[in-house]
Structure formats: C-alpha cells, structure tokens
Amino acid sequence: MASSIPVKEEKLVDVRLGQLSSWIMTQDFTPKGIPGAFQRGYYQYYNKCVYVKTGGVAGISMVLAAYMLFNYCCCYRELRQEQLCKHH
C-alpha cells in the first residue's frame, strides 16, 4: 500500500526504512532550516504533552524529570567526592 503523501512532507516516525535516505536528502540543513526544525519539534511536544485538553501532568513531569537529571549530571562529581569522603 503506497502512501499518497510525498516523502518530504512525512514525519520521521512515518518514514519507512527504505525511504529514509530520500527523506533525509529532502530536509533543509541550512542555518535557517535547523532552528526551524527544532522549533517545530518543540511546538509538537508542547501541543502533545503540555497543552492538552484532558489536563494531565505528563508533559510537566517529563520536563521536571529532565531538569532533575540535568542537575544531577552537573553535580555528579561533587556528589561522588562527598560520598567518598563519608566512607573514609
């Protein structure tokens, strides 16, 4: 069953493995296109996970979990050093 949507307009999730190289070649990798791709991804995430009509906390919890993981990674060296000092 062939898709009637051109490969360029399909989302990455909908692209088949055989079409992947042609999909990549049609994308805009210019300095103006890359920020646009990030902006579209952000808006898709925001509309799907944060701004939902059913009202859940899934989107906010993912952002908070990412923030906590980022802070843990930033402070890992100090936390590890403190843990080693307590055991000796």
Protein backbone atom coordinates (compact mmCIF):
# COMPACT_ATOMS: atom_id res chain seq x y z
CA MET A 1 0.00 0.00 0.00
CA ALA A 2 1.72 3.15 -1.23
CA SER A 3 1.39 6.42 0.62
CA SER A 4 -0.12 9.36 -1.25
CA ILE A 5 1.87 11.86 0.86
CA PRO A 6 5.23 12.93 -0.65
CA VAL A 7 8.23 11.65 1.29
CA LYS A 8 9.37 15.21 2.08
CA GLU A 9 6.14 16.02 3.95
CA GLU A 10 6.03 12.84 6.04
CA LYS A 11 7.10 12.88 9.67
CA LEU A 12 10.21 10.90 10.59
CA VAL A 13 8.05 8.45 12.52
CA ASP A 14 6.05 7.64 9.39
CA VAL A 15 9.04 7.18 7.04
CA ARG A 16 9.86 3.58 6.14
CA LEU A 17 13.44 2.34 6.37
CA GLY A 18 13.80 2.15 2.58
CA GLN A 19 12.64 5.77 2.22
CA LEU A 20 14.91 7.13 4.96
CA SER A 21 17.79 8.22 2.71
CA SER A 22 15.49 10.07 0.31
CA TRP A 23 13.67 11.69 3.26
CA ILE A 24 16.97 12.92 4.73
CA MET A 25 18.05 14.33 1.36
CA THR A 26 14.85 16.43 1.14
CA GLN A 27 15.30 18.08 4.55
CA ASP A 28 16.57 21.63 4.96
CA PHE A 29 20.00 21.64 6.63
CA THR A 30 20.69 25.34 6.12
CA PRO A 31 21.41 27.64 9.08
CA LYS A 32 17.80 28.83 8.83
CA GLY A 33 16.30 25.34 8.48
CA ILE A 34 17.87 23.69 11.53
CA PRO A 35 16.41 26.13 14.12
CA GLY A 36 13.08 25.83 12.31
CA ALA A 37 13.18 22.05 12.78
CA PHE A 38 13.88 22.46 16.50
CA GLN A 39 11.05 24.97 16.77
CA ARG A 40 8.60 22.61 15.05
CA GLY A 41 9.70 19.79 17.36
CA TYR A 42 9.24 21.97 20.42
CA TYR A 43 5.73 23.01 19.35
CA GLN A 44 4.79 19.41 18.58
CA TYR A 45 6.00 18.33 22.04
CA TYR A 46 4.25 21.25 23.72
CA ASN A 47 0.95 20.64 21.95
CA LYS A 48 1.07 16.89 22.56
CA CYS A 49 2.31 16.75 26.16
CA VAL A 50 1.86 20.11 27.87
CA TYR A 51 -1.11 21.82 26.25
CA VAL A 52 -3.65 19.01 26.35
CA LYS A 53 -7.38 19.42 26.79
CA THR A 54 -7.68 16.49 29.18
CA GLY A 55 -5.27 18.19 31.54
CA GLY A 56 -2.61 15.88 32.83
CA VAL A 57 0.76 16.35 34.37
CA ALA A 58 2.68 14.09 31.97
CA GLY A 59 4.29 16.90 30.00
CA ILE A 60 5.28 18.92 33.05
CA SER A 61 6.62 15.80 34.79
CA MET A 62 8.84 14.99 31.80
CA VAL A 63 10.28 18.50 31.85
CA LEU A 64 10.88 18.31 35.61
CA ALA A 65 12.47 14.86 35.29
CA ALA A 66 14.79 16.13 32.55
CA TYR A 67 15.69 19.15 34.70
CA MET A 68 16.48 16.93 37.69
CA LEU A 69 18.60 14.58 35.57
CA PHE A 70 20.49 17.53 34.08
CA ASN A 71 21.21 18.96 37.55
CA TYR A 72 22.32 15.55 38.82
CA CYS A 73 24.72 15.17 35.89
CA CYS A 74 26.12 18.65 36.53
CA CYS A 75 26.68 17.93 40.24
CA TYR A 76 27.76 14.28 39.94
CA ARG A 77 31.46 14.94 40.52
CA GLU A 78 30.82 16.86 43.75
CA LEU A 79 28.27 14.31 44.99
CA ARG A 80 30.65 11.44 44.27
CA GLN A 81 33.51 13.20 46.06
CA GLU A 82 31.29 13.85 49.08
CA GLN A 83 30.19 10.22 49.17
CA LEU A 84 33.79 9.01 49.07
CA CYS A 85 34.75 11.33 51.91
CA LYS A 86 31.96 9.99 54.15
CA HIS A 87 33.08 6.37 53.74
CA HIS A 88 36.69 7.04 54.74
